């Protein structure tokens, strides 16, 4: 994995802060979790996404992911 790839992903996510995204997270063994949230912050090593279920009674969750997760496709993000 090259540093230039990580820089590109970091810059792309930093530009999308505040935007709503759909996150597909690979949980292993053919299990996938799909959630929608807003990119809150982009830090040097990680970025955070605030998940707020509109239809369920769950409290908001703040999830953090690494840029490596995006590169290795452990998570897939799509703008809503």
C-alpha atoms as a PDB file:
ATOM      1  CA  UNK A   1       0.000   0.000   0.000  1.00  0.00           C
ATOM      2  CA  UNK A   2       1.475   3.300  -1.034  1.00  0.00           C
ATOM      3  CA  UNK A   3       1.417   6.551   0.892  1.00  0.00           C
ATOM      4  CA  UNK A   4       0.103   8.344  -2.200  1.00  0.00           C
ATOM      5  CA  UNK A   5      -3.015   6.158  -2.167  1.00  0.00           C
ATOM      6  CA  UNK A   6      -3.647   6.970   1.484  1.00  0.00           C
ATOM      7  CA  UNK A   7      -3.136  10.688   0.809  1.00  0.00           C
ATOM      8  CA  UNK A   8      -5.637  10.593  -2.066  1.00  0.00           C
ATOM      9  CA  UNK A   9      -8.269   8.823   0.044  1.00  0.00           C
ATOM     10  CA  UNK A  10      -7.647  11.176   2.992  1.00  0.00           C
ATOM     11  CA  UNK A  11      -8.007  14.252   0.763  1.00  0.00           C
ATOM     12  CA  UNK A  12     -11.182  12.893  -0.835  1.00  0.00           C
ATOM     13  CA  UNK A  13     -12.815  12.138   2.508  1.00  0.00           C
ATOM     14  CA  UNK A  14     -11.704  15.484   3.952  1.00  0.00           C
ATOM     15  CA  UNK A  15     -13.510  17.243   1.069  1.00  0.00           C
ATOM     16  CA  UNK A  16     -16.684  15.250   1.808  1.00  0.00           C
ATOM     17  CA  UNK A  17     -16.911  16.232   5.512  1.00  0.00           C
ATOM     18  CA  UNK A  18     -20.493  17.129   6.337  1.00  0.00           C
ATOM     19  CA  UNK A  19     -21.951  15.100   3.474  1.00  0.00           C
ATOM     20  CA  UNK A  20     -24.302  12.150   3.891  1.00  0.00           C
ATOM     21  CA  UNK A  21     -22.887   8.762   2.882  1.00  0.00           C
ATOM     22  CA  UNK A  22     -24.041   5.167   2.721  1.00  0.00           C
ATOM     23  CA  UNK A  23     -21.501   2.795   4.270  1.00  0.00           C
ATOM     24  CA  UNK A  24     -21.371  -0.898   3.431  1.00  0.00           C
ATOM     25  CA  UNK A  25     -19.213  -2.634   6.020  1.00  0.00           C
ATOM     26  CA  UNK A  26     -17.872  -6.144   5.439  1.00  0.00           C
ATOM     27  CA  UNK A  27     -18.282  -8.143   8.664  1.00  0.00           C
ATOM     28  CA  UNK A  28     -16.804 -11.381   7.327  1.00  0.00           C
ATOM     29  CA  UNK A  29     -18.377 -14.714   6.433  1.00  0.00           C
ATOM     30  CA  UNK A  30     -20.623 -13.126   3.806  1.00  0.00           C
ATOM     31  CA  UNK A  31     -22.144 -10.717   6.347  1.00  0.00           C
ATOM     32  CA  UNK A  32     -22.612  -7.093   5.374  1.00  0.00           C
ATOM     33  CA  UNK A  33     -23.887  -4.138   7.407  1.00  0.00           C
ATOM     34  CA  UNK A  34     -25.296  -1.149   5.514  1.00  0.00           C
ATOM     35  CA  UNK A  35     -25.801   2.150   7.330  1.00  0.00           C
ATOM     36  CA  UNK A  36     -26.245   5.810   6.439  1.00  0.00           C
ATOM     37  CA  UNK A  37     -24.552   8.657   8.212  1.00  0.00           C
ATOM     38  CA  UNK A  38     -22.703  11.958   7.950  1.00  0.00           C
ATOM     39  CA  UNK A  39     -18.917  12.263   7.763  1.00  0.00           C
ATOM     40  CA  UNK A  40     -18.060  14.316  10.839  1.00  0.00           C
ATOM     41  CA  UNK A  41     -14.284  14.737  10.965  1.00  0.00           C
ATOM     42  CA  UNK A  42     -11.199  13.637   9.061  1.00  0.00           C
ATOM     43  CA  UNK A  43      -8.124  13.112  11.223  1.00  0.00           C
ATOM     44  CA  UNK A  44      -4.608  12.104  10.096  1.00  0.00           C
ATOM     45  CA  UNK A  45      -5.200   8.364  10.651  1.00  0.00           C
ATOM     46  CA  UNK A  46      -8.983   7.946  10.895  1.00  0.00           C
ATOM     47  CA  UNK A  47     -12.279   9.590   9.987  1.00  0.00           C
ATOM     48  CA  UNK A  48     -15.547   9.553  11.895  1.00  0.00           C
ATOM     49  CA  UNK A  49     -19.113   9.014  10.686  1.00  0.00           C
ATOM     50  CA  UNK A  50     -22.194   9.860  12.757  1.00  0.00           C
ATOM     51  CA  UNK A  51     -24.881   7.200  12.235  1.00  0.00           C
ATOM     52  CA  UNK A  52     -28.393   8.342  13.125  1.00  0.00           C
ATOM     53  CA  UNK A  53     -31.178   5.816  12.534  1.00  0.00           C
ATOM     54  CA  UNK A  54     -34.222   7.854  11.559  1.00  0.00           C
ATOM     55  CA  UNK A  55     -36.648   4.932  11.658  1.00  0.00           C
ATOM     56  CA  UNK A  56     -35.346   3.098  14.714  1.00  0.00           C
ATOM     57  CA  UNK A  57     -35.215   4.170  18.339  1.00  0.00           C
ATOM     58  CA  UNK A  58     -31.434   3.660  18.601  1.00  0.00           C
ATOM     59  CA  UNK A  59     -29.321   6.575  19.820  1.00  0.00           C
ATOM     60  CA  UNK A  60     -26.834   8.113  17.362  1.00  0.00           C
ATOM     61  CA  UNK A  61     -23.523   6.274  17.016  1.00  0.00           C
ATOM     62  CA  UNK A  62     -20.139   7.751  16.168  1.00  0.00           C
ATOM     63  CA  UNK A  63     -18.109   5.217  14.178  1.00  0.00           C
ATOM     64  CA  UNK A  64     -14.478   5.592  13.196  1.00  0.00           C
ATOM     65  CA  UNK A  65     -12.754   4.039  10.213  1.00  0.00           C
ATOM     66  CA  UNK A  66      -9.219   4.125   8.882  1.00  0.00           C
ATOM     67  CA  UNK A  67      -8.304   5.182   5.376  1.00  0.00           C
ATOM     68  CA  UNK A  68      -6.823   1.718   4.938  1.00  0.00           C
ATOM     69  CA  UNK A  69     -10.342   0.277   5.432  1.00  0.00           C
ATOM     70  CA  UNK A  70     -11.425   2.157   2.308  1.00  0.00           C
ATOM     71  CA  UNK A  71      -8.383   1.082   0.274  1.00  0.00           C
ATOM     72  CA  UNK A  72      -8.699  -2.608   1.235  1.00  0.00           C
ATOM     73  CA  UNK A  73     -12.485  -2.420   0.667  1.00  0.00           C
ATOM     74  CA  UNK A  74     -13.386  -3.500   4.210  1.00  0.00           C
ATOM     75  CA  UNK A  75     -15.878  -0.649   3.890  1.00  0.00           C
ATOM     76  CA  UNK A  76     -17.406   0.883   0.778  1.00  0.00           C
ATOM     77  CA  UNK A  77     -18.795   4.400   0.813  1.00  0.00           C
ATOM     78  CA  UNK A  78     -21.256   6.047  -1.531  1.00  0.00           C
ATOM     79  CA  UNK A  79     -22.585   9.606  -1.399  1.00  0.00           C
ATOM     80  CA  UNK A  80     -26.328   9.835  -0.820  1.00  0.00           C
END
